[in-house]
């Protein structure tokens, strides 16, 4: 009861709080639906009760807030509904539509007693956030930036953003590392949280790390091994989607779900339903390159073999024709050389016989003249001896000696004359032998034939003629490109 003190009506705090409790209980007898953001769940594991902090924001600022109570039995039921529908538990930082009653306790104050939460509203709110992110990216022209990049012909160097213990990461590595075509890859893991409140910042940090060494990679792969749509809400975040859209090298995703695509998947260069499908997508790029190469290789081999076969046949035909033509030319030239040789030998033999006959005639004449001279000399000596008588015997002997010396001298001169004549004849014979065509060819000279006839003047040859040059060891066939007369 109130009391009077100095004309003032005074109530105790308990009276005031009891009055508030009574008034609220009379005014708010039924429960009602409220939409708000679950700023913090405040789950106490020992008791199982939750004491959520509910807020409403406008332009990022809190314009209303109130404490709430969620008792253990209700929390278990509501949390099971979330996991059944959204495959995720009730957690901090999501917008919810909850059914509550006004609760006021003199000891704990005003709060909302939550009796139920609709998980479908939370899912719809995520879709609204997703659409807002898409609209903002389109307005700023970022939406298709990553898709416009040129994808590497062979995406061999892969920067992977994932959790090392993730099953999706293990499935991805198994496909690319054990492929039956033995394609080789280089990959490096950049560990990151892939769901929850801290996932956005964690992925952004790793993207910035990759960007610093982007020249060492062909693509970035974001790999997550599955989960519900609540767990995917971070991939609708504008900051993360913007970073992926503006990334300087292609970003491919294998987040692992079969529902509607997240914004990050939409703005990435390409996305796959699962990490395994993403790995197969990369392998397909190698197939797209290797299959045409293998087909081209087969075509090159087949065409090469066909060309070799055709050219071999053509070469054999050319060789056959060349051999026939060469044999005819060689036969013609051999006959020409043989005729030239026979003609030269006949001339040499005729000259040799003529010189021998002339020399023999000289020898006979010289012998006859010498004999006549000697006989005449002996007769004169005898006559001279008779005329001078016995008294001149000494003089006769002296004269006889002189005659003997003269005779010997004449013999010596005749021998020398014969010797010189034979030497001269042998020299002529050697010179004639040197003039033999074979010896002339052996010394480096050659014979040029045009239409099997010797070329004696430059006027007989013109450009385009095919000439044959006979050298000591064979023939040379050539085509005349130009002629030039020697200046006198």
Protein backbone atom coordinates (compact mmCIF):
# COMPACT_ATOMS: atom_id res chain seq x y z
CA UNK A 1 0.00 0.00 0.00
CA UNK A 2 1.14 3.56 -0.67
CA UNK A 3 1.91 5.90 2.18
CA UNK A 4 1.74 9.65 2.74
CA UNK A 5 4.86 11.57 3.57
CA UNK A 6 4.74 15.34 3.58
CA UNK A 7 1.63 15.37 1.43
CA UNK A 8 3.33 13.05 -1.11
CA UNK A 9 1.95 9.67 -2.13
CA UNK A 10 4.83 7.27 -2.22
CA UNK A 11 4.88 3.72 -3.70
CA UNK A 12 7.47 1.06 -3.21
CA UNK A 13 9.35 -0.28 -6.25
CA UNK A 14 7.68 -3.65 -5.86
CA UNK A 15 4.26 -1.96 -5.90
CA UNK A 16 5.17 -0.16 -9.11
CA UNK A 17 6.53 -3.27 -10.85
CA UNK A 18 3.54 -5.32 -9.67
CA UNK A 19 1.24 -2.66 -11.08
CA UNK A 20 3.11 -2.73 -14.40
CA UNK A 21 2.93 -6.52 -14.43
CA UNK A 22 -0.82 -6.45 -13.71
CA UNK A 23 -1.48 -3.83 -16.37
CA UNK A 24 0.57 -5.68 -19.03
CA UNK A 25 -1.02 -8.99 -18.17
CA UNK A 26 -4.49 -7.48 -18.54
CA UNK A 27 -3.54 -5.63 -21.76
CA UNK A 28 -1.52 -8.34 -23.55
CA UNK A 29 -3.33 -11.57 -22.80
CA UNK A 30 -2.62 -13.29 -26.15
CA UNK A 31 0.54 -14.00 -28.13
CA UNK A 32 1.47 -12.22 -31.43
CA UNK A 33 3.95 -12.48 -34.32
CA UNK A 34 7.00 -10.19 -34.39
CA UNK A 35 9.73 -9.79 -37.05
CA UNK A 36 13.20 -8.81 -35.83
CA UNK A 37 16.85 -9.68 -36.08
CA UNK A 38 18.28 -12.20 -33.66
CA UNK A 39 21.33 -10.18 -32.76
CA UNK A 40 22.64 -12.77 -30.27
CA UNK A 41 21.07 -16.08 -29.27
CA UNK A 42 22.74 -16.41 -25.82
CA UNK A 43 22.32 -20.16 -25.46
CA UNK A 44 23.24 -21.51 -22.03
CA UNK A 45 24.27 -25.12 -22.55
CA UNK A 46 23.94 -26.10 -18.86
CA UNK A 47 20.29 -25.14 -18.57
CA UNK A 48 19.39 -25.34 -22.28
CA UNK A 49 17.55 -22.00 -22.06
CA UNK A 50 18.19 -19.09 -24.50
CA UNK A 51 17.99 -15.36 -23.84
CA UNK A 52 18.04 -13.79 -27.33
CA UNK A 53 18.73 -10.11 -27.93
CA UNK A 54 16.17 -8.96 -30.50
CA UNK A 55 16.84 -5.75 -32.47
CA UNK A 56 15.44 -3.80 -35.39
CA UNK A 57 17.79 -1.80 -37.60
CA UNK A 58 17.31 1.00 -40.06
CA UNK A 59 20.18 2.15 -42.26
CA UNK A 60 22.50 0.08 -40.12
CA UNK A 61 21.42 1.69 -36.85
CA UNK A 62 19.45 0.02 -34.03
CA UNK A 63 16.08 1.74 -33.64
CA UNK A 64 14.50 -0.80 -31.25
CA UNK A 65 15.67 -3.61 -29.01
CA UNK A 66 14.31 -5.91 -26.33
CA UNK A 67 15.36 -8.97 -24.42
CA UNK A 68 13.61 -12.30 -25.02
CA UNK A 69 13.32 -15.66 -23.33
CA UNK A 70 13.28 -19.02 -25.10
CA UNK A 71 12.88 -21.93 -22.74
CA UNK A 72 14.65 -25.25 -23.30
CA UNK A 73 11.67 -27.27 -24.53
CA UNK A 74 10.63 -24.60 -27.03
CA UNK A 75 14.24 -24.08 -28.22
CA UNK A 76 14.70 -27.82 -28.92
CA UNK A 77 11.47 -27.96 -30.94
CA UNK A 78 12.22 -24.75 -32.90
CA UNK A 79 15.84 -25.69 -33.54
CA UNK A 80 14.78 -29.09 -34.89
CA UNK A 81 12.39 -27.35 -37.30
CA UNK A 82 15.24 -25.13 -38.55
CA UNK A 83 17.51 -28.08 -39.12
CA UNK A 84 14.77 -30.04 -40.85
CA UNK A 85 13.73 -27.22 -43.20
CA UNK A 86 16.93 -25.21 -43.65
CA UNK A 87 19.53 -27.83 -42.72
CA UNK A 88 20.98 -25.28 -40.29
CA UNK A 89 20.47 -24.54 -36.59
CA UNK A 90 19.02 -21.35 -35.13
CA UNK A 91 21.94 -18.93 -34.77
CA UNK A 92 23.05 -15.31 -34.40
CA UNK A 93 22.68 -12.60 -36.99
CA UNK A 94 19.60 -13.78 -38.91
CA UNK A 95 16.18 -12.24 -39.28
CA UNK A 96 13.34 -14.29 -37.81
CA UNK A 97 9.56 -14.20 -37.52
CA UNK A 98 8.68 -15.35 -34.02
CA UNK A 99 5.52 -15.76 -31.95
CA UNK A 100 5.79 -14.26 -28.47
CA UNK A 101 3.95 -12.96 -25.41
CA UNK A 102 4.73 -9.92 -23.27
CA UNK A 103 6.43 -11.02 -20.09
CA UNK A 104 7.20 -8.79 -17.15
CA UNK A 105 8.80 -9.92 -13.94
CA UNK A 106 9.47 -7.53 -11.03
CA UNK A 107 12.93 -9.05 -10.65
CA UNK A 108 14.00 -9.44 -14.32
CA UNK A 109 12.05 -6.68 -16.03
CA UNK A 110 10.32 -6.58 -19.42
CA UNK A 111 10.96 -9.25 -22.06
CA UNK A 112 9.32 -11.24 -24.83
CA UNK A 113 8.61 -14.88 -24.23
CA UNK A 114 9.21 -16.69 -27.55
CA UNK A 115 6.96 -19.69 -28.09
CA UNK A 116 7.53 -20.37 -31.82
CA UNK A 117 9.67 -19.25 -34.83
CA UNK A 118 8.75 -19.61 -38.53
CA UNK A 119 11.88 -20.84 -40.46
CA UNK A 120 10.23 -20.06 -43.82
CA UNK A 121 10.42 -16.32 -43.07
CA UNK A 122 14.18 -16.58 -42.48
CA UNK A 123 14.61 -18.33 -45.81
CA UNK A 124 12.60 -15.60 -47.57
CA UNK A 125 14.68 -12.89 -45.94
CA UNK A 126 17.81 -14.53 -47.31
CA UNK A 127 16.29 -14.42 -50.77
CA UNK A 128 15.58 -10.71 -50.38
CA UNK A 129 19.16 -10.10 -49.33
CA UNK A 130 20.33 -12.10 -52.34
CA UNK A 131 18.22 -10.05 -54.76
CA UNK A 132 19.38 -6.77 -53.23
CA UNK A 133 23.01 -7.84 -53.70
CA UNK A 134 22.34 -8.81 -57.34
CA UNK A 135 20.61 -5.48 -58.08
CA UNK A 136 23.46 -3.51 -56.52
CA UNK A 137 26.10 -5.41 -58.52
CA UNK A 138 24.17 -4.88 -61.76
CA UNK A 139 23.74 -1.16 -61.12
CA UNK A 140 27.49 -0.71 -60.66
CA UNK A 141 28.36 -2.88 -63.68
CA UNK A 142 30.23 -5.51 -61.68
CA UNK A 143 27.93 -8.48 -62.25
CA UNK A 144 29.54 -9.94 -65.41
CA UNK A 145 33.13 -8.76 -64.90
CA UNK A 146 34.62 -12.12 -63.95
CA UNK A 147 32.66 -13.96 -66.65
CA UNK A 148 34.22 -11.65 -69.29
CA UNK A 149 37.77 -12.77 -68.44
CA UNK A 150 39.58 -15.06 -70.85
CA UNK A 151 39.63 -18.56 -69.40
CA UNK A 152 43.05 -20.29 -69.61
CA UNK A 153 43.38 -22.87 -72.34
CA UNK A 154 44.72 -25.35 -69.77
CA UNK A 155 43.79 -24.37 -66.17
CA UNK A 156 46.71 -26.23 -64.64
CA UNK A 157 47.62 -23.98 -61.65
CA UNK A 158 44.75 -23.82 -59.15
CA UNK A 159 44.46 -21.69 -56.00
CA UNK A 160 41.93 -23.46 -53.74
CA UNK A 161 39.93 -21.75 -51.00
CA UNK A 162 38.51 -24.46 -48.75
CA UNK A 163 38.78 -26.23 -45.40
CA UNK A 164 41.58 -28.77 -45.33
CA UNK A 165 39.37 -31.36 -43.61
CA UNK A 166 36.40 -30.75 -45.90
CA UNK A 167 35.05 -33.82 -47.71
CA UNK A 168 34.36 -31.66 -50.75
CA UNK A 169 38.03 -30.61 -50.86
CA UNK A 170 39.10 -34.28 -50.64
CA UNK A 171 36.67 -35.26 -53.42
CA UNK A 172 38.01 -32.46 -55.64
CA UNK A 173 41.64 -33.54 -55.16
CA UNK A 174 40.79 -37.19 -55.75
CA UNK A 175 39.28 -36.44 -59.16
CA UNK A 176 42.10 -34.22 -60.48
CA UNK A 177 45.00 -36.20 -59.01
CA UNK A 178 43.85 -39.69 -60.03
CA UNK A 179 42.48 -38.89 -63.47
CA UNK A 180 43.06 -41.74 -65.92
CA UNK A 181 44.47 -39.40 -68.59
CA UNK A 182 47.40 -38.41 -66.34
CA UNK A 183 46.79 -34.69 -66.66
CA UNK A 184 49.14 -32.89 -64.28
CA UNK A 185 48.03 -30.08 -61.94
CA UNK A 186 49.60 -27.71 -59.42
CA UNK A 187 47.29 -26.70 -56.58
CA UNK A 188 47.74 -24.75 -53.36
CA UNK A 189 45.26 -24.58 -50.48
CA UNK A 190 44.33 -21.24 -48.88
CA UNK A 191 42.46 -22.39 -45.73
CA UNK A 192 39.29 -20.48 -44.91
CA UNK A 193 36.01 -20.71 -43.03
CA UNK A 194 33.27 -21.47 -45.51
CA UNK A 195 30.11 -20.84 -43.47
CA UNK A 196 28.97 -18.86 -40.48
CA UNK A 197 29.35 -15.22 -39.44
CA UNK A 198 33.12 -15.15 -39.95
CA UNK A 199 33.16 -16.88 -43.34
CA UNK A 200 32.93 -13.65 -45.38
CA UNK A 201 35.97 -12.03 -43.74
CA UNK A 202 37.93 -15.28 -43.88
CA UNK A 203 37.31 -15.77 -47.63
CA UNK A 204 38.05 -12.10 -48.37
CA UNK A 205 41.42 -12.37 -46.61
CA UNK A 206 42.40 -15.39 -48.71
CA UNK A 207 41.26 -13.74 -51.94
CA UNK A 208 43.51 -10.77 -51.17
CA UNK A 209 46.40 -13.15 -50.47
CA UNK A 210 45.87 -14.88 -53.82
CA UNK A 211 45.62 -11.56 -55.65
CA UNK A 212 49.14 -10.63 -54.50
CA UNK A 213 50.54 -13.69 -56.32
CA UNK A 214 47.89 -14.00 -59.03
CA UNK A 215 50.52 -14.52 -61.77
CA UNK A 216 51.30 -17.93 -60.26
CA UNK A 217 47.75 -19.23 -60.79
CA UNK A 218 45.35 -19.79 -63.67
CA UNK A 219 42.10 -19.99 -61.69
CA UNK A 220 40.72 -19.73 -58.15
CA UNK A 221 38.44 -22.54 -56.93
CA UNK A 222 36.13 -22.00 -53.94
CA UNK A 223 35.18 -25.46 -52.67
CA UNK A 224 32.65 -26.33 -49.95
CA UNK A 225 31.37 -29.78 -49.18
CA UNK A 226 27.64 -29.16 -48.82
CA UNK A 227 25.19 -27.67 -46.30
CA UNK A 228 21.83 -25.97 -46.12
CA UNK A 229 20.80 -22.57 -47.41
CA UNK A 230 21.38 -20.81 -44.07
CA UNK A 231 24.97 -21.92 -44.23
CA UNK A 232 25.12 -20.42 -47.71
CA UNK A 233 23.87 -16.99 -46.66
CA UNK A 234 27.44 -15.65 -46.52
CA UNK A 235 27.71 -16.24 -50.31
CA UNK A 236 24.99 -13.64 -50.88
CA UNK A 237 27.05 -10.99 -49.10
CA UNK A 238 27.65 -7.96 -51.30
CA UNK A 239 31.31 -7.43 -50.32
CA UNK A 240 32.23 -11.04 -51.03
CA UNK A 241 30.27 -11.16 -54.30
CA UNK A 242 31.86 -7.87 -55.43
CA UNK A 243 35.38 -9.17 -54.70
CA UNK A 244 34.74 -12.33 -56.75
CA UNK A 245 33.16 -10.39 -59.63
CA UNK A 246 36.17 -8.01 -59.84
CA UNK A 247 38.85 -10.65 -59.25
CA UNK A 248 41.60 -10.43 -61.94
CA UNK A 249 41.64 -14.15 -62.77
CA UNK A 250 38.66 -16.51 -63.28
CA UNK A 251 36.94 -17.74 -60.11
CA UNK A 252 35.13 -21.09 -60.25
CA UNK A 253 32.95 -22.44 -57.45
CA UNK A 254 31.85 -25.83 -56.19
CA UNK A 255 29.92 -24.89 -53.06
CA UNK A 256 27.95 -28.11 -52.96
CA UNK A 257 24.17 -27.69 -52.93
CA UNK A 258 21.29 -28.32 -55.28
CA UNK A 259 19.01 -25.34 -54.51
CA UNK A 260 19.05 -21.89 -56.10
CA UNK A 261 22.49 -20.47 -56.84
CA UNK A 262 24.03 -17.92 -54.50
CA UNK A 263 25.20 -14.52 -55.73
CA UNK A 264 28.86 -15.57 -55.49
CA UNK A 265 28.13 -18.50 -57.80
CA UNK A 266 26.21 -16.28 -60.21
CA UNK A 267 29.03 -13.72 -60.56
CA UNK A 268 31.85 -16.30 -60.72
CA UNK A 269 33.21 -17.38 -64.10
CA UNK A 270 31.65 -20.82 -63.71
CA UNK A 271 30.08 -22.89 -60.96
CA UNK A 272 29.29 -26.54 -60.37
CA UNK A 273 26.80 -28.28 -58.11
CA UNK A 274 29.50 -30.21 -56.26
CA UNK A 275 33.30 -30.13 -55.89
CA UNK A 276 33.44 -33.36 -57.90
CA UNK A 277 31.57 -31.73 -60.79
CA UNK A 278 33.91 -28.75 -60.56
CA UNK A 279 36.93 -31.05 -60.90
CA UNK A 280 35.30 -32.73 -63.89
CA UNK A 281 34.73 -29.28 -65.43
CA UNK A 282 38.47 -28.59 -65.24
CA UNK A 283 39.30 -32.00 -66.71
CA UNK A 284 36.88 -31.29 -69.56
CA UNK A 285 38.93 -28.21 -70.45
CA UNK A 286 41.93 -30.50 -70.89
CA UNK A 287 39.80 -32.87 -72.98
CA UNK A 288 38.69 -30.00 -75.19
CA UNK A 289 42.35 -29.28 -75.87
CA UNK A 290 43.78 -32.80 -76.06
CA UNK A 291 41.13 -34.44 -78.27
CA UNK A 292 41.59 -32.02 -81.21
CA UNK A 293 45.36 -32.32 -80.76
CA UNK A 294 45.14 -36.11 -80.92
CA UNK A 295 42.90 -35.93 -83.99
CA UNK A 296 45.27 -33.44 -85.62
CA UNK A 297 48.18 -35.73 -84.76
CA UNK A 298 46.46 -38.65 -86.48
CA UNK A 299 45.72 -36.50 -89.52
CA UNK A 300 49.34 -35.30 -89.69
CA UNK A 301 50.63 -38.87 -89.39
CA UNK A 302 48.23 -40.17 -92.05
CA UNK A 303 48.97 -37.33 -94.43
CA UNK A 304 52.70 -37.62 -93.81
CA UNK A 305 52.62 -41.31 -94.59
CA UNK A 306 50.59 -40.69 -97.74
CA UNK A 307 52.95 -37.91 -98.86
CA UNK A 308 55.98 -40.08 -98.12
CA UNK A 309 54.47 -42.92 -100.13
CA UNK A 310 53.63 -40.63 -103.04
CA UNK A 311 57.01 -38.91 -102.95
CA UNK A 312 58.81 -42.26 -102.68
CA UNK A 313 57.01 -43.54 -105.76
CA UNK A 314 57.67 -40.29 -107.61
CA UNK A 315 61.32 -40.36 -106.55
CA UNK A 316 61.73 -43.94 -107.77
CA UNK A 317 60.17 -42.95 -111.10
CA UNK A 318 62.48 -39.94 -111.37
CA UNK A 319 65.48 -42.10 -110.49
CA UNK A 320 64.48 -44.62 -113.14
CA UNK A 321 64.14 -41.88 -115.77
CA UNK A 322 67.36 -40.24 -114.60
CA UNK A 323 69.22 -43.54 -114.77
CA UNK A 324 67.94 -44.19 -118.30
CA UNK A 325 68.80 -40.69 -119.52
CA UNK A 326 72.19 -40.81 -117.78
CA UNK A 327 73.05 -44.17 -119.28
CA UNK A 328 72.19 -42.89 -122.75
CA UNK A 329 74.27 -39.75 -122.24
CA UNK A 330 77.17 -41.76 -120.80
CA UNK A 331 76.98 -44.21 -123.68
CA UNK A 332 76.96 -41.36 -126.20
CA UNK A 333 79.86 -39.62 -124.46
CA UNK A 334 81.83 -42.85 -124.14
CA UNK A 335 81.47 -43.41 -127.86
CA UNK A 336 82.48 -39.81 -128.53
CA UNK A 337 85.53 -40.10 -126.27
CA UNK A 338 86.40 -43.47 -127.82
CA UNK A 339 86.15 -42.02 -131.31
CA UNK A 340 88.29 -39.02 -130.30
CA UNK A 341 90.82 -41.33 -128.71
CA UNK A 342 90.96 -43.65 -131.75
CA UNK A 343 91.33 -40.67 -134.07
CA UNK A 344 94.11 -39.22 -131.94
CA UNK A 345 95.88 -42.58 -131.73
CA UNK A 346 95.72 -42.98 -135.48
CA UNK A 347 97.19 -39.50 -135.93
CA UNK A 348 99.92 -40.27 -133.39
CA UNK A 349 100.71 -43.60 -135.07
CA UNK A 350 100.82 -41.91 -138.48
CA UNK A 351 103.15 -39.19 -137.17
CA UNK A 352 105.27 -41.79 -135.39
CA UNK A 353 105.59 -43.94 -138.51
CA UNK A 354 106.35 -40.90 -140.63
CA UNK A 355 109.07 -39.74 -138.26
CA UNK A 356 110.48 -43.26 -137.90
CA UNK A 357 110.60 -43.73 -141.68
CA UNK A 358 112.24 -40.32 -142.08
CA UNK A 359 114.76 -41.15 -139.39
CA UNK A 360 115.50 -44.54 -140.97
CA UNK A 361 116.06 -42.85 -144.33
CA UNK A 362 118.45 -40.41 -142.68
CA UNK A 363 120.27 -43.29 -141.03
CA UNK A 364 120.67 -45.20 -144.31
CA UNK A 365 121.81 -42.06 -146.15
CA UNK A 366 124.21 -41.19 -143.36
CA UNK A 367 125.67 -44.72 -143.36
CA UNK A 368 126.06 -44.60 -147.14
CA UNK A 369 127.70 -41.20 -147.13
CA UNK A 370 129.98 -42.21 -144.26
CA UNK A 371 130.99 -45.44 -145.98
CA UNK A 372 131.65 -43.61 -149.22
CA UNK A 373 133.63 -40.98 -147.38
CA UNK A 374 135.66 -43.62 -145.57
CA UNK A 375 136.37 -45.62 -148.74
CA UNK A 376 137.40 -42.50 -150.57
CA UNK A 377 139.67 -41.52 -147.69
CA UNK A 378 141.29 -44.93 -147.54
CA UNK A 379 141.90 -44.87 -151.30
CA UNK A 380 143.49 -41.45 -151.08
CA UNK A 381 145.65 -42.59 -148.21
CA UNK A 382 146.90 -45.53 -150.18
CA UNK A 383 147.63 -43.39 -153.20
CA UNK A 384 149.35 -40.83 -151.06
CA UNK A 385 151.43 -43.53 -149.42
CA UNK A 386 152.64 -44.89 -152.76
CA UNK A 387 153.48 -41.45 -153.97
CA UNK A 388 155.56 -40.42 -151.03
CA UNK A 389 157.45 -43.71 -150.84
CA UNK A 390 159.24 -45.33 -148.04
CA UNK A 391 161.01 -42.18 -146.94
CA UNK A 392 157.86 -40.63 -145.77
CA UNK A 393 156.74 -43.60 -143.66
CA UNK A 394 156.74 -41.55 -140.44
CA UNK A 395 154.65 -38.84 -141.96
CA UNK A 396 152.29 -41.51 -143.26
CA UNK A 397 151.88 -42.94 -139.82
CA UNK A 398 151.20 -39.48 -138.46
CA UNK A 399 148.64 -38.85 -141.17
CA UNK A 400 147.05 -42.24 -140.54
CA UNK A 401 146.70 -41.37 -136.88
CA UNK A 402 145.02 -38.12 -137.82
CA UNK A 403 142.69 -39.97 -140.13
CA UNK A 404 141.89 -42.43 -137.36
CA UNK A 405 141.10 -39.61 -134.97
CA UNK A 406 138.93 -37.99 -137.60
CA UNK A 407 137.12 -41.28 -138.17
CA UNK A 408 136.49 -41.79 -134.44
CA UNK A 409 135.34 -38.23 -134.12
CA UNK A 410 132.93 -38.72 -136.97
CA UNK A 411 131.51 -41.86 -135.30
CA UNK A 412 131.11 -40.00 -132.05
CA UNK A 413 129.29 -37.12 -133.73
CA UNK A 414 127.05 -39.57 -135.62
CA UNK A 415 126.11 -41.35 -132.39
CA UNK A 416 125.37 -38.02 -130.73
CA UNK A 417 123.27 -36.99 -133.71
CA UNK A 418 121.34 -40.27 -133.57
CA UNK A 419 120.89 -39.89 -129.80
CA UNK A 420 119.59 -36.35 -130.14
CA UNK A 421 117.24 -37.43 -132.92
CA UNK A 422 115.87 -40.31 -130.81
CA UNK A 423 115.42 -37.97 -127.81
CA UNK A 424 113.60 -35.49 -129.99
CA UNK A 425 111.41 -38.27 -131.36
CA UNK A 426 110.65 -39.58 -127.84
CA UNK A 427 109.77 -36.04 -126.70
CA UNK A 428 107.39 -35.67 -129.59
CA UNK A 429 105.88 -39.05 -128.74
CA UNK A 430 105.45 -37.98 -125.06
CA UNK A 431 103.93 -34.66 -126.09
CA UNK A 432 101.53 -36.46 -128.36
CA UNK A 433 100.68 -38.81 -125.47
CA UNK A 434 100.01 -35.81 -123.23
CA UNK A 435 97.64 -34.52 -125.86
CA UNK A 436 95.55 -37.71 -125.41
CA UNK A 437 91.97 -36.76 -124.30
CA UNK A 438 92.23 -38.85 -121.14
CA UNK A 439 95.50 -37.17 -120.13
CA UNK A 440 94.11 -33.76 -120.97
CA UNK A 441 90.99 -34.47 -118.80
CA UNK A 442 93.18 -35.81 -116.02
CA UNK A 443 95.04 -32.46 -115.83
CA UNK A 444 91.75 -30.60 -115.01
CA UNK A 445 90.59 -29.73 -118.49
CA UNK A 446 87.08 -30.63 -119.65
CA UNK A 447 85.09 -31.10 -122.84
CA UNK A 448 81.73 -29.34 -123.19
CA UNK A 449 79.08 -30.96 -125.36
CA UNK A 450 75.82 -29.51 -126.67
CA UNK A 451 73.53 -32.04 -128.29
CA UNK A 452 76.46 -34.55 -128.23
CA UNK A 453 78.67 -32.13 -130.20
CA UNK A 454 81.78 -30.33 -128.92
CA UNK A 455 81.28 -26.65 -128.13
CA UNK A 456 84.07 -24.63 -129.79
CA UNK A 457 82.59 -21.13 -129.55
CA UNK A 458 80.47 -19.25 -127.03
CA UNK A 459 78.21 -18.28 -129.92
CA UNK A 460 77.06 -21.92 -130.15
CA UNK A 461 75.45 -21.73 -126.65
CA UNK A 462 72.54 -19.63 -125.42
CA UNK A 463 70.69 -19.23 -122.08
CA UNK A 464 68.48 -22.18 -121.19
CA UNK A 465 70.53 -24.77 -123.15
CA UNK A 466 71.35 -28.01 -121.39
CA UNK A 467 75.05 -28.79 -121.74
CA UNK A 468 77.14 -31.77 -120.67
CA UNK A 469 80.64 -31.29 -119.28
CA UNK A 470 83.03 -34.27 -119.53
CA UNK A 471 85.65 -34.39 -116.79
CA UNK A 472 88.14 -37.15 -115.98
CA UNK A 473 85.87 -39.15 -113.63
CA UNK A 474 82.44 -38.55 -115.18
CA UNK A 475 79.94 -36.13 -116.68
CA UNK A 476 78.19 -33.01 -115.36
CA UNK A 477 74.85 -31.90 -116.75
CA UNK A 478 73.93 -28.21 -116.29
CA UNK A 479 71.60 -25.54 -117.63
CA UNK A 480 73.11 -22.31 -119.01
CA UNK A 481 71.86 -19.25 -117.10
CA UNK A 482 73.93 -16.67 -119.02
CA UNK A 483 76.91 -16.32 -121.40
CA UNK A 484 79.64 -13.72 -121.60
CA UNK A 485 82.25 -13.32 -124.33
CA UNK A 486 85.83 -12.72 -123.25
CA UNK A 487 87.17 -9.21 -124.01
CA UNK A 488 89.98 -9.24 -126.59
